[in-house]
Amino acid sequence: MTRTAVTGHYIDKDFVLRSVLLECKVLDKSHTGRHLAEELQDIIQDWSVADRVLLVVSDNGANIKNAITMLQWKHFGCYAHTLNLAVQKALGSTALVSLLNKVKAIVAHFKRSNVAWNK
């Protein structure tokens, strides 16, 4: 069971950034691009904001990107999600894992040895 939420962000007449939760629910259907596009279309129709969608920010999943393309909206990948993917990939590299293991061994040595710690 996957819950999904759709939020809207806009600047009001006083130039204050506002955010609203448009929908939060469990998606029963498979999360294909087509099904997600249908859900998004229903939400914007319910709120009568179809002509106000300027840009969609989402994770980089192929399914949501396909849905956004089907709806002919502009897409911007979530910066935090993109950064997290890059960091996770870097942390999994063999060179970094090897370096982290060496650093952990050095720290462990000093924690176990009072002589080394004092020096």
PDB file of N, CA and C in Angstrom:
ATOM      1  N   MET A   1       0.842  -1.167   0.000  1.00  0.00           N
ATOM      2  CA  MET A   1       0.000   0.000   0.000  1.00  0.00           C
ATOM      3  C   MET A   1       0.897   1.243   0.000  1.00  0.00           C
ATOM      4  N   THR A   2       0.658   2.112  -0.979  1.00  0.00           N
ATOM      5  CA  THR A   2       1.445   3.328  -1.088  1.00  0.00           C
ATOM      6  C   THR A   2       0.547   4.537  -0.968  1.00  0.00           C
ATOM      7  N   ARG A   3       0.938   5.425  -0.096  1.00  0.00           N
ATOM      8  CA  ARG A   3       0.205   6.680   0.039  1.00  0.00           C
ATOM      9  C   ARG A   3       0.874   7.715  -0.850  1.00  0.00           C
ATOM     10  N   THR A   4       0.076   8.583  -1.389  1.00  0.00           N
ATOM     11  CA  THR A   4       0.623   9.653  -2.210  1.00  0.00           C
ATOM     12  C   THR A   4      -0.022  10.970  -1.821  1.00  0.00           C
ATOM     13  N   ALA A   5       0.713  12.032  -2.018  1.00  0.00           N
ATOM     14  CA  ALA A   5       0.200  13.360  -1.709  1.00  0.00           C
ATOM     15  C   ALA A   5       0.556  14.297  -2.852  1.00  0.00           C
ATOM     16  N   VAL A   6      -0.368  15.207  -3.118  1.00  0.00           N
ATOM     17  CA  VAL A   6      -0.143  16.232  -4.135  1.00  0.00           C
ATOM     18  C   VAL A   6      -0.343  17.579  -3.452  1.00  0.00           C
ATOM     19  N   THR A   7       0.665  18.433  -3.573  1.00  0.00           N
ATOM     20  CA  THR A   7       0.573  19.765  -2.985  1.00  0.00           C
ATOM     21  C   THR A   7       0.630  20.804  -4.088  1.00  0.00           C
ATOM     22  N   GLY A   8       0.036  21.930  -3.812  1.00  0.00           N
ATOM     23  CA  GLY A   8       0.105  23.060  -4.730  1.00  0.00           C
ATOM     24  C   GLY A   8       0.799  24.211  -4.047  1.00  0.00           C
ATOM     25  N   HIS A   9       1.594  24.931  -4.796  1.00  0.00           N
ATOM     26  CA  HIS A   9       2.331  26.071  -4.258  1.00  0.00           C
ATOM     27  C   HIS A   9       2.080  27.264  -5.176  1.00  0.00           C
ATOM     28  N   TYR A  10       1.826  28.399  -4.583  1.00  0.00           N
ATOM     29  CA  TYR A  10       1.546  29.588  -5.377  1.00  0.00           C
ATOM     30  C   TYR A  10       1.898  30.834  -4.574  1.00  0.00           C
ATOM     31  N   ILE A  11       1.954  31.934  -5.287  1.00  0.00           N
ATOM     32  CA  ILE A  11       2.208  33.221  -4.649  1.00  0.00           C
ATOM     33  C   ILE A  11       0.903  33.999  -4.699  1.00  0.00           C
ATOM     34  N   ASP A  12       0.441  34.444  -3.533  1.00  0.00           N
ATOM     35  CA  ASP A  12      -0.846  35.144  -3.483  1.00  0.00           C
ATOM     36  C   ASP A  12      -0.689  36.602  -3.923  1.00  0.00           C
ATOM     37  N   LYS A  13      -1.798  37.359  -3.888  1.00  0.00           N
ATOM     38  CA  LYS A  13      -1.803  38.744  -4.372  1.00  0.00           C
ATOM     39  C   LYS A  13      -0.884  39.654  -3.564  1.00  0.00           C
ATOM     40  N   ASP A  14      -0.539  39.229  -2.329  1.00  0.00           N
ATOM     41  CA  ASP A  14       0.393  39.996  -1.494  1.00  0.00           C
ATOM     42  C   ASP A  14       1.827  39.482  -1.598  1.00  0.00           C
ATOM     43  N   PHE A  15       2.068  38.643  -2.593  1.00  0.00           N
ATOM     44  CA  PHE A  15       3.381  38.061  -2.857  1.00  0.00           C
ATOM     45  C   PHE A  15       3.902  37.196  -1.717  1.00  0.00           C
ATOM     46  N   VAL A  16       2.982  36.475  -1.081  1.00  0.00           N
ATOM     47  CA  VAL A  16       3.336  35.530  -0.019  1.00  0.00           C
ATOM     48  C   VAL A  16       3.228  34.126  -0.603  1.00  0.00           C
ATOM     49  N   LEU A  17       4.278  33.338  -0.401  1.00  0.00           N
ATOM     50  CA  LEU A  17       4.263  31.957  -0.884  1.00  0.00           C
ATOM     51  C   LEU A  17       3.297  31.134  -0.048  1.00  0.00           C
ATOM     52  N   ARG A  18       2.386  30.462  -0.700  1.00  0.00           N
ATOM     53  CA  ARG A  18       1.393  29.627  -0.024  1.00  0.00           C
ATOM     54  C   ARG A  18       1.529  28.200  -0.526  1.00  0.00           C
ATOM     55  N   SER A  19       1.201  27.253   0.350  1.00  0.00           N
ATOM     56  CA  SER A  19       1.206  25.834  -0.002  1.00  0.00           C
ATOM     57  C   SER A  19      -0.085  25.213   0.502  1.00  0.00           C
ATOM     58  N   VAL A  20      -0.679  24.359  -0.324  1.00  0.00           N
ATOM     59  CA  VAL A  20      -1.915  23.676   0.058  1.00  0.00           C
ATOM     60  C   VAL A  20      -1.806  22.205  -0.304  1.00  0.00           C
ATOM     61  N   LEU A  21      -2.391  21.364   0.539  1.00  0.00           N
ATOM     62  CA  LEU A  21      -2.467  19.945   0.251  1.00  0.00           C
ATOM     63  C   LEU A  21      -3.720  19.718  -0.585  1.00  0.00           C
ATOM     64  N   LEU A  22      -3.529  19.282  -1.826  1.00  0.00           N
ATOM     65  CA  LEU A  22      -4.659  19.075  -2.726  1.00  0.00           C
ATOM     66  C   LEU A  22      -5.258  17.682  -2.579  1.00  0.00           C
ATOM     67  N   GLU A  23      -4.408  16.699  -2.287  1.00  0.00           N
ATOM     68  CA  GLU A  23      -4.900  15.318  -2.183  1.00  0.00           C
ATOM     69  C   GLU A  23      -3.883  14.490  -1.417  1.00  0.00           C
ATOM     70  N   CYS A  24      -4.396  13.600  -0.597  1.00  0.00           N
ATOM     71  CA  CYS A  24      -3.556  12.638   0.105  1.00  0.00           C
ATOM     72  C   CYS A  24      -4.365  11.356   0.208  1.00  0.00           C
ATOM     73  N   LYS A  25      -3.892  10.299  -0.443  1.00  0.00           N
ATOM     74  CA  LYS A  25      -4.672   9.073  -0.442  1.00  0.00           C
ATOM     75  C   LYS A  25      -3.813   7.871  -0.771  1.00  0.00           C
ATOM     76  N   VAL A  26      -4.402   6.712  -0.599  1.00  0.00           N
ATOM     77  CA  VAL A  26      -3.755   5.452  -0.959  1.00  0.00           C
ATOM     78  C   VAL A  26      -4.066   5.169  -2.409  1.00  0.00           C
ATOM     79  N   LEU A  27      -3.056   4.823  -3.179  1.00  0.00           N
ATOM     80  CA  LEU A  27      -3.269   4.453  -4.581  1.00  0.00           C
ATOM     81  C   LEU A  27      -3.434   2.941  -4.677  1.00  0.00           C
ATOM     82  N   ASP A  28      -4.606   2.524  -5.132  1.00  0.00           N
ATOM     83  CA  ASP A  28      -4.889   1.094  -5.242  1.00  0.00           C
ATOM     84  C   ASP A  28      -4.382   0.499  -6.548  1.00  0.00           C
ATOM     85  N   LYS A  29      -4.351   1.294  -7.595  1.00  0.00           N
ATOM     86  CA  LYS A  29      -3.909   0.815  -8.910  1.00  0.00           C
ATOM     87  C   LYS A  29      -2.393   0.729  -8.940  1.00  0.00           C
ATOM     88  N   SER A  30      -1.881   0.032  -9.950  1.00  0.00           N
ATOM     89  CA  SER A  30      -0.424  -0.005 -10.124  1.00  0.00           C
ATOM     90  C   SER A  30       0.056   1.403 -10.458  1.00  0.00           C
ATOM     91  N   HIS A  31       1.271   1.681 -10.151  1.00  0.00           N
ATOM     92  CA  HIS A  31       1.802   3.037 -10.287  1.00  0.00           C
ATOM     93  C   HIS A  31       2.445   3.263 -11.646  1.00  0.00           C
ATOM     94  N   THR A  32       1.707   2.944 -12.689  1.00  0.00           N
ATOM     95  CA  THR A  32       2.210   3.199 -14.040  1.00  0.00           C
ATOM     96  C   THR A  32       2.052   4.675 -14.351  1.00  0.00           C
ATOM     97  N   GLY A  33       2.765   5.126 -15.357  1.00  0.00           N
ATOM     98  CA  GLY A  33       2.638   6.512 -15.770  1.00  0.00           C
ATOM     99  C   GLY A  33       1.205   6.870 -16.119  1.00  0.00           C
ATOM    100  N   ARG A  34       0.514   5.973 -16.801  1.00  0.00           N
ATOM    101  CA  ARG A  34      -0.868   6.224 -17.210  1.00  0.00           C
ATOM    102  C   ARG A  34      -1.786   6.400 -15.996  1.00  0.00           C
ATOM    103  N   HIS A  35      -1.663   5.494 -15.012  1.00  0.00           N
ATOM    104  CA  HIS A  35      -2.513   5.602 -13.825  1.00  0.00           C
ATOM    105  C   HIS A  35      -2.206   6.869 -13.020  1.00  0.00           C
ATOM    106  N   LEU A  36      -0.932   7.192 -12.896  1.00  0.00           N
ATOM    107  CA  LEU A  36      -0.564   8.411 -12.172  1.00  0.00           C
ATOM    108  C   LEU A  36      -1.072   9.650 -12.907  1.00  0.00           C
ATOM    109  N   ALA A  37      -0.986   9.637 -14.225  1.00  0.00           N
ATOM    110  CA  ALA A  37      -1.493  10.765 -15.009  1.00  0.00           C
ATOM    111  C   ALA A  37      -2.996  10.926 -14.786  1.00  0.00           C
ATOM    112  N   GLU A  38      -3.718   9.810 -14.759  1.00  0.00           N
ATOM    113  CA  GLU A  38      -5.165   9.864 -14.517  1.00  0.00           C
ATOM    114  C   GLU A  38      -5.469  10.447 -13.138  1.00  0.00           C
ATOM    115  N   GLU A  39      -4.726  10.015 -12.130  1.00  0.00           N
ATOM    116  CA  GLU A  39      -4.928  10.528 -10.772  1.00  0.00           C
ATOM    117  C   GLU A  39      -4.659  12.034 -10.711  1.00  0.00           C
ATOM    118  N   LEU A  40      -3.548  12.449 -11.311  1.00  0.00           N
ATOM    119  CA  LEU A  40      -3.202  13.865 -11.308  1.00  0.00           C
ATOM    120  C   LEU A  40      -4.247  14.691 -12.054  1.00  0.00           C
ATOM    121  N   GLN A  41      -4.712  14.169 -13.177  1.00  0.00           N
ATOM    122  CA  GLN A  41      -5.742  14.856 -13.953  1.00  0.00           C
ATOM    123  C   GLN A  41      -7.018  15.022 -13.126  1.00  0.00           C
ATOM    124  N   ASP A  42      -7.404  13.971 -12.421  1.00  0.00           N
ATOM    125  CA  ASP A  42      -8.598  14.045 -11.562  1.00  0.00           C
ATOM    126  C   ASP A  42      -8.446  15.107 -10.480  1.00  0.00           C
ATOM    127  N   ILE A  43      -7.255  15.166  -9.884  1.00  0.00           N
ATOM    128  CA  ILE A  43      -7.013  16.117  -8.794  1.00  0.00           C
ATOM    129  C   ILE A  43      -7.108  17.551  -9.299  1.00  0.00           C
ATOM    130  N   ILE A  44      -6.445  17.838 -10.418  1.00  0.00           N
ATOM    131  CA  ILE A  44      -6.476  19.228 -10.889  1.00  0.00           C
ATOM    132  C   ILE A  44      -7.863  19.617 -11.393  1.00  0.00           C
ATOM    133  N   GLN A  45      -8.619  18.644 -11.879  1.00  0.00           N
ATOM    134  CA  GLN A  45      -9.998  18.946 -12.280  1.00  0.00           C
ATOM    135  C   GLN A  45     -10.871  19.198 -11.059  1.00  0.00           C
ATOM    136  N   ASP A  46     -10.703  18.378 -10.013  1.00  0.00           N
ATOM    137  CA  ASP A  46     -11.469  18.584  -8.774  1.00  0.00           C
ATOM    138  C   ASP A  46     -11.241  19.983  -8.202  1.00  0.00           C
ATOM    139  N   TRP A  47     -10.022  20.472  -8.322  1.00  0.00           N
ATOM    140  CA  TRP A  47      -9.674  21.775  -7.760  1.00  0.00           C
ATOM    141  C   TRP A  47      -9.783  22.908  -8.782  1.00  0.00           C
ATOM    142  N   SER A  48     -10.142  22.577 -10.014  1.00  0.00           N
ATOM    143  CA  SER A  48     -10.285  23.588 -11.084  1.00  0.00           C
ATOM    144  C   SER A  48      -9.014  24.415 -11.266  1.00  0.00           C
ATOM    145  N   VAL A  49      -7.884  23.730 -11.307  1.00  0.00           N
ATOM    146  CA  VAL A  49      -6.607  24.426 -11.484  1.00  0.00           C
ATOM    147  C   VAL A  49      -5.849  23.931 -12.715  1.00  0.00           C
ATOM    148  N   ALA A  50      -6.553  23.294 -13.629  1.00  0.00           N
ATOM    149  CA  ALA A  50      -5.898  22.714 -14.809  1.00  0.00           C
ATOM    150  C   ALA A  50      -5.107  23.757 -15.597  1.00  0.00           C
ATOM    151  N   ASP A  51      -5.619  24.975 -15.667  1.00  0.00           N
ATOM    152  CA  ASP A  51      -4.945  26.024 -16.432  1.00  0.00           C
ATOM    153  C   ASP A  51      -3.879  26.758 -15.625  1.00  0.00           C
ATOM    154  N   ARG A  52      -3.647  26.324 -14.401  1.00  0.00           N
ATOM    155  CA  ARG A  52      -2.691  27.020 -13.533  1.00  0.00           C
ATOM    156  C   ARG A  52      -1.441  26.208 -13.224  1.00  0.00           C
ATOM    157  N   VAL A  53      -1.338  25.017 -13.743  1.00  0.00           N
ATOM    158  CA  VAL A  53      -0.154  24.196 -13.487  1.00  0.00           C
ATOM    159  C   VAL A  53       0.969  24.688 -14.395  1.00  0.00           C
ATOM    160  N   LEU A  54       1.999  25.270 -13.783  1.00  0.00           N
ATOM    161  CA  LEU A  54       3.132  25.796 -14.537  1.00  0.00           C
ATOM    162  C   LEU A  54       4.317  24.844 -14.550  1.00  0.00           C
ATOM    163  N   LEU A  55       4.498  24.115 -13.450  1.00  0.00           N
ATOM    164  CA  LEU A  55       5.671  23.261 -13.294  1.00  0.00           C
ATOM    165  C   LEU A  55       5.358  22.201 -12.254  1.00  0.00           C
ATOM    166  N   VAL A  56       5.874  21.011 -12.469  1.00  0.00           N
ATOM    167  CA  VAL A  56       5.685  19.924 -11.514  1.00  0.00           C
ATOM    168  C   VAL A  56       7.055  19.496 -11.001  1.00  0.00           C
ATOM    169  N   VAL A  57       7.185  19.435  -9.680  1.00  0.00           N
ATOM    170  CA  VAL A  57       8.415  18.954  -9.047  1.00  0.00           C
ATOM    171  C   VAL A  57       8.110  17.579  -8.467  1.00  0.00           C
ATOM    172  N   SER A  58       8.959  16.599  -8.791  1.00  0.00           N
ATOM    173  CA  SER A  58       8.750  15.239  -8.298  1.00  0.00           C
ATOM    174  C   SER A  58      10.099  14.559  -8.147  1.00  0.00           C
ATOM    175  N   ASP A  59      10.033  13.315  -7.634  1.00  0.00           N
ATOM    176  CA  ASP A  59      11.260  12.526  -7.627  1.00  0.00           C
ATOM    177  C   ASP A  59      11.573  12.142  -9.075  1.00  0.00           C
ATOM    178  N   ASN A  60      12.595  11.355  -9.270  1.00  0.00           N
ATOM    179  CA  ASN A  60      13.045  11.035 -10.623  1.00  0.00           C
ATOM    180  C   ASN A  60      12.552   9.680 -11.114  1.00  0.00           C
ATOM    181  N   GLY A  61      11.492   9.169 -10.503  1.00  0.00           N
ATOM    182  CA  GLY A  61      10.946   7.886 -10.932  1.00  0.00           C
ATOM    183  C   GLY A  61      10.429   7.968 -12.362  1.00  0.00           C
ATOM    184  N   ALA A  62      10.719   6.939 -13.140  1.00  0.00           N
ATOM    185  CA  ALA A  62      10.292   6.923 -14.541  1.00  0.00           C
ATOM    186  C   ALA A  62       8.778   7.022 -14.663  1.00  0.00           C
ATOM    187  N   ASN A  63       8.054   6.410 -13.732  1.00  0.00           N
ATOM    188  CA  ASN A  63       6.591   6.410 -13.825  1.00  0.00           C
ATOM    189  C   ASN A  63       6.005   7.815 -13.660  1.00  0.00           C
ATOM    190  N   ILE A  64       6.468   8.572 -12.683  1.00  0.00           N
ATOM    191  CA  ILE A  64       5.924   9.914 -12.485  1.00  0.00           C
ATOM    192  C   ILE A  64       6.402  10.853 -13.578  1.00  0.00           C
ATOM    193  N   LYS A  65       7.619  10.673 -14.055  1.00  0.00           N
ATOM    194  CA  LYS A  65       8.102  11.483 -15.161  1.00  0.00           C
ATOM    195  C   LYS A  65       7.281  11.222 -16.414  1.00  0.00           C
ATOM    196  N   ASN A  66       6.917   9.948 -16.651  1.00  0.00           N
ATOM    197  CA  ASN A  66       6.066   9.620 -17.795  1.00  0.00           C
ATOM    198  C   ASN A  66       4.688  10.247 -17.649  1.00  0.00           C
ATOM    199  N   ALA A  67       4.135  10.202 -16.444  1.00  0.00           N
ATOM    200  CA  ALA A  67       2.817  10.798 -16.204  1.00  0.00           C
ATOM    201  C   ALA A  67       2.840  12.291 -16.510  1.00  0.00           C
ATOM    202  N   ILE A  68       3.861  12.964 -16.064  1.00  0.00           N
ATOM    203  CA  ILE A  68       3.980  14.407 -16.277  1.00  0.00           C
ATOM    204  C   ILE A  68       4.129  14.710 -17.767  1.00  0.00           C
ATOM    205  N   THR A  69       4.894  13.883 -18.462  1.00  0.00           N
ATOM    206  CA  THR A  69       5.042  14.043 -19.912  1.00  0.00           C
ATOM    207  C   THR A  69       3.710  13.834 -20.617  1.00  0.00           C
ATOM    208  N   MET A  70       2.955  12.807 -20.206  1.00  0.00           N
ATOM    209  CA  MET A  70       1.641  12.544 -20.809  1.00  0.00           C
ATOM    210  C   MET A  70       0.711  13.738 -20.642  1.00  0.00           C
ATOM    211  N   LEU A  71       0.812  14.416 -19.511  1.00  0.00           N
ATOM    212  CA  LEU A  71      -0.040  15.571 -19.248  1.00  0.00           C
ATOM    213  C   LEU A  71       0.496  16.853 -19.884  1.00  0.00           C
ATOM    214  N   GLN A  72       1.661  16.738 -20.507  1.00  0.00           N
ATOM    215  CA  GLN A  72       2.318  17.852 -21.206  1.00  0.00           C
ATOM    216  C   GLN A  72       2.627  19.019 -20.262  1.00  0.00           C
ATOM    217  N   TRP A  73       3.077  18.674 -19.062  1.00  0.00           N
ATOM    218  CA  TRP A  73       3.495  19.670 -18.088  1.00  0.00           C
ATOM    219  C   TRP A  73       5.013  19.750 -18.089  1.00  0.00           C
ATOM    220  N   LYS A  74       5.531  20.841 -17.620  1.00  0.00           N
ATOM    221  CA  LYS A  74       6.978  20.978 -17.435  1.00  0.00           C
ATOM    222  C   LYS A  74       7.351  20.246 -16.152  1.00  0.00           C
ATOM    223  N   HIS A  75       8.512  19.599 -16.165  1.00  0.00           N
ATOM    224  CA  HIS A  75       8.953  18.814 -15.010  1.00  0.00           C
ATOM    225  C   HIS A  75      10.292  19.323 -14.509  1.00  0.00           C
ATOM    226  N   PHE A  76      10.418  19.317 -13.193  1.00  0.00           N
ATOM    227  CA  PHE A  76      11.696  19.627 -12.556  1.00  0.00           C
ATOM    228  C   PHE A  76      11.919  18.577 -11.487  1.00  0.00           C
ATOM    229  N   GLY A  77      13.028  17.847 -11.591  1.00  0.00           N
ATOM    230  CA  GLY A  77      13.339  16.816 -10.608  1.00  0.00           C
ATOM    231  C   GLY A  77      13.671  17.440  -9.263  1.00  0.00           C
ATOM    232  N   CYS A  78      13.216  16.815  -8.207  1.00  0.00           N
ATOM    233  CA  CYS A  78      13.465  17.301  -6.855  1.00  0.00           C
ATOM    234  C   CYS A  78      14.974  17.323  -6.597  1.00  0.00           C
ATOM    235  N   TYR A  79      15.487  18.489  -6.241  1.00  0.00           N
ATOM    236  CA  TYR A  79      16.921  18.631  -6.008  1.00  0.00           C
ATOM    237  C   TYR A  79      17.392  17.747  -4.861  1.00  0.00           C
ATOM    238  N   ALA A  80      16.616  17.694  -3.779  1.00  0.00           N
ATOM    239  CA  ALA A  80      17.008  16.884  -2.621  1.00  0.00           C
ATOM    240  C   ALA A  80      17.062  15.400  -2.995  1.00  0.00           C
ATOM    241  N   HIS A  81      16.104  14.935  -3.791  1.00  0.00           N
ATOM    242  CA  HIS A  81      16.095  13.532  -4.208  1.00  0.00           C
ATOM    243  C   HIS A  81      17.290  13.242  -5.112  1.00  0.00           C
ATOM    244  N   THR A  82      17.574  14.147  -6.033  1.00  0.00           N
ATOM    245  CA  THR A  82      18.712  13.977  -6.936  1.00  0.00           C
ATOM    246  C   THR A  82      20.022  13.950  -6.152  1.00  0.00           C
ATOM    247  N   LEU A  83      20.159  14.860  -5.191  1.00  0.00           N
ATOM    248  CA  LEU A  83      21.364  14.905  -4.361  1.00  0.00           C
ATOM    249  C   LEU A  83      21.502  13.623  -3.545  1.00  0.00           C
ATOM    250  N   ASN A  84      20.396  13.138  -2.973  1.00  0.00           N
ATOM    251  CA  ASN A  84      20.423  11.902  -2.198  1.00  0.00           C
ATOM    252  C   ASN A  84      20.864  10.722  -3.067  1.00  0.00           C
ATOM    253  N   LEU A  85      20.358  10.628  -4.288  1.00  0.00           N
ATOM    254  CA  LEU A  85      20.766   9.545  -5.184  1.00  0.00           C
ATOM    255  C   LEU A  85      22.265   9.604  -5.479  1.00  0.00           C
ATOM    256  N   ALA A  86      22.773  10.818  -5.688  1.00  0.00           N
ATOM    257  CA  ALA A  86      24.200  10.978  -5.972  1.00  0.00           C
ATOM    258  C   ALA A  86      25.051  10.568  -4.771  1.00  0.00           C
ATOM    259  N   VAL A  87      24.642  10.989  -3.572  1.00  0.00           N
ATOM    260  CA  VAL A  87      25.386  10.647  -2.354  1.00  0.00           C
ATOM    261  C   VAL A  87      25.350   9.147  -2.108  1.00  0.00           C
ATOM    262  N   GLN A  88      24.181   8.523  -2.270  1.00  0.00           N
ATOM    263  CA  GLN A  88      24.068   7.075  -2.070  1.00  0.00           C
ATOM    264  C   GLN A  88      24.961   6.314  -3.049  1.00  0.00           C
ATOM    265  N   LYS A  89      25.025   6.782  -4.290  1.00  0.00           N
ATOM    266  CA  LYS A  89      25.878   6.135  -5.278  1.00  0.00           C
ATOM    267  C   LYS A  89      27.351   6.292  -4.895  1.00  0.00           C
ATOM    268  N   ALA A  90      27.720   7.490  -4.457  1.00  0.00           N
ATOM    269  CA  ALA A  90      29.102   7.738  -4.054  1.00  0.00           C
ATOM    270  C   ALA A  90      29.480   6.897  -2.843  1.00  0.00           C
ATOM    271  N   LEU A  91      28.566   6.790  -1.877  1.00  0.00           N
ATOM    272  CA  LEU A  91      28.856   6.011  -0.673  1.00  0.00           C
ATOM    273  C   LEU A  91      29.011   4.528  -0.969  1.00  0.00           C
ATOM    274  N   GLY A  92      28.453   4.082  -2.083  1.00  0.00           N
ATOM    275  CA  GLY A  92      28.557   2.674  -2.447  1.00  0.00           C
ATOM    276  C   GLY A  92      29.773   2.350  -3.300  1.00  0.00           C
ATOM    277  N   SER A  93      30.548   3.373  -3.675  1.00  0.00           N
ATOM    278  CA  SER A  93      31.713   3.107  -4.529  1.00  0.00           C
ATOM    279  C   SER A  93      32.770   2.336  -3.744  1.00  0.00           C
ATOM    280  N   THR A  94      33.459   1.431  -4.409  1.00  0.00           N
ATOM    281  CA  THR A  94      34.460   0.586  -3.738  1.00  0.00           C
ATOM    282  C   THR A  94      35.598   1.402  -3.159  1.00  0.00           C
ATOM    283  N   ALA A  95      35.996   2.472  -3.839  1.00  0.00           N
ATOM    284  CA  ALA A  95      37.095   3.300  -3.338  1.00  0.00           C
ATOM    285  C   ALA A  95      36.692   3.964  -2.023  1.00  0.00           C
ATOM    286  N   LEU A  96      35.492   4.470  -1.943  1.00  0.00           N
ATOM    287  CA  LEU A  96      35.048   5.133  -0.724  1.00  0.00           C
ATOM    288  C   LEU A  96      34.826   4.129   0.400  1.00  0.00           C
ATOM    289  N   VAL A  97      34.263   2.982   0.081  1.00  0.00           N
ATOM    290  CA  VAL A  97      34.052   1.948   1.097  1.00  0.00           C
ATOM    291  C   VAL A  97      35.391   1.522   1.685  1.00  0.00           C
ATOM    292  N   SER A  98      36.382   1.359   0.819  1.00  0.00           N
ATOM    293  CA  SER A  98      37.718   0.988   1.279  1.00  0.00           C
ATOM    294  C   SER A  98      38.303   2.067   2.186  1.00  0.00           C
ATOM    295  N   LEU A  99      38.166   3.323   1.803  1.00  0.00           N
ATOM    296  CA  LEU A  99      38.676   4.425   2.609  1.00  0.00           C
ATOM    297  C   LEU A  99      37.952   4.489   3.960  1.00  0.00           C
ATOM    298  N   LEU A 100      36.637   4.360   3.953  1.00  0.00           N
ATOM    299  CA  LEU A 100      35.877   4.387   5.205  1.00  0.00           C
ATOM    300  C   LEU A 100      36.295   3.251   6.132  1.00  0.00           C
ATOM    301  N   ASN A 101      36.539   2.079   5.598  1.00  0.00           N
ATOM    302  CA  ASN A 101      36.989   0.950   6.413  1.00  0.00           C
ATOM    303  C   ASN A 101      38.351   1.233   7.045  1.00  0.00           C
ATOM    304  N   LYS A 102      39.246   1.879   6.310  1.00  0.00           N
ATOM    305  CA  LYS A 102      40.564   2.233   6.857  1.00  0.00           C
ATOM    306  C   LYS A 102      40.428   3.256   7.980  1.00  0.00           C
ATOM    307  N   VAL A 103      39.572   4.264   7.762  1.00  0.00           N
ATOM    308  CA  VAL A 103      39.365   5.296   8.783  1.00  0.00           C
ATOM    309  C   VAL A 103      38.758   4.675  10.034  1.00  0.00           C
ATOM    310  N   LYS A 104      37.790   3.767   9.859  1.00  0.00           N
ATOM    311  CA  LYS A 104      37.164   3.094  11.005  1.00  0.00           C
ATOM    312  C   LYS A 104      38.190   2.274  11.781  1.00  0.00           C
ATOM    313  N   ALA A 105      39.116   1.626  11.062  1.00  0.00           N
ATOM    314  CA  ALA A 105      40.149   0.827  11.717  1.00  0.00           C
ATOM    315  C   ALA A 105      41.086   1.715  12.537  1.00  0.00           C
ATOM    316  N   ILE A 106      41.430   2.878  11.997  1.00  0.00           N
ATOM    317  CA  ILE A 106      42.301   3.808  12.720  1.00  0.00           C
ATOM    318  C   ILE A 106      41.602   4.308  13.987  1.00  0.00           C
ATOM    319  N   VAL A 107      40.343   4.703  13.865  1.00  0.00           N
ATOM    320  CA  VAL A 107      39.585   5.179  15.024  1.00  0.00           C
ATOM    321  C   VAL A 107      39.473   4.077  16.070  1.00  0.00           C
ATOM    322  N   ALA A 108      39.184   2.856  15.624  1.00  0.00           N
ATOM    323  CA  ALA A 108      39.052   1.731  16.552  1.00  0.00           C
ATOM    324  C   ALA A 108      40.367   1.481  17.287  1.00  0.00           C
ATOM    325  N   HIS A 109      41.492   1.600  16.578  1.00  0.00           N
ATOM    326  CA  HIS A 109      42.800   1.394  17.195  1.00  0.00           C
ATOM    327  C   HIS A 109      43.008   2.372  18.354  1.00  0.00           C
ATOM    328  N   PHE A 110      42.695   3.647  18.118  1.00  0.00           N
ATOM    329  CA  PHE A 110      42.909   4.653  19.162  1.00  0.00           C
ATOM    330  C   PHE A 110      41.915   4.509  20.309  1.00  0.00           C
ATOM    331  N   LYS A 111      40.733   4.021  20.022  1.00  0.00           N
ATOM    332  CA  LYS A 111      39.755   3.810  21.090  1.00  0.00           C
ATOM    333  C   LYS A 111      40.144   2.620  21.966  1.00  0.00           C
ATOM    334  N   ARG A 112      40.811   1.617  21.401  1.00  0.00           N
ATOM    335  CA  ARG A 112      41.196   0.423  22.151  1.00  0.00           C
ATOM    336  C   ARG A 112      42.495   0.614  22.912  1.00  0.00           C
ATOM    337  N   SER A 113      43.349   1.540  22.457  1.00  0.00           N
ATOM    338  CA  SER A 113      44.674   1.674  23.056  1.00  0.00           C
ATOM    339  C   SER A 113      44.841   3.004  23.772  1.00  0.00           C
ATOM    340  N   ASN A 114      44.983   2.919  25.111  1.00  0.00           N
ATOM    341  CA  ASN A 114      45.221   4.141  25.887  1.00  0.00           C
ATOM    342  C   ASN A 114      46.568   4.759  25.546  1.00  0.00           C
ATOM    343  N   VAL A 115      47.557   3.931  25.260  1.00  0.00           N
ATOM    344  CA  VAL A 115      48.891   4.422  24.911  1.00  0.00           C
ATOM    345  C   VAL A 115      48.808   5.255  23.629  1.00  0.00           C
ATOM    346  N   ALA A 116      48.149   4.684  22.610  1.00  0.00           N
ATOM    347  CA  ALA A 116      48.021   5.398  21.338  1.00  0.00           C
ATOM    348  C   ALA A 116      47.201   6.669  21.519  1.00  0.00           C
ATOM    349  N   TRP A 117      46.141   6.615  22.313  1.00  0.00           N
ATOM    350  CA  TRP A 117      45.273   7.759  22.556  1.00  0.00           C
ATOM    351  C   TRP A 117      46.053   8.892  23.212  1.00  0.00           C
ATOM    352  N   ASN A 118      46.878   8.540  24.201  1.00  0.00           N
ATOM    353  CA  ASN A 118      47.643   9.557  24.923  1.00  0.00           C
ATOM    354  C   ASN A 118      48.730  10.187  24.046  1.00  0.00           C
ATOM    355  N   LYS A 119      49.324   9.405  23.158  1.00  0.00           N
ATOM    356  CA  LYS A 119      50.334   9.947  22.253  1.00  0.00           C
ATOM    357  C   LYS A 119      49.708  10.856  21.250  1.00  0.00           C
TER     358      LYS A 119
END
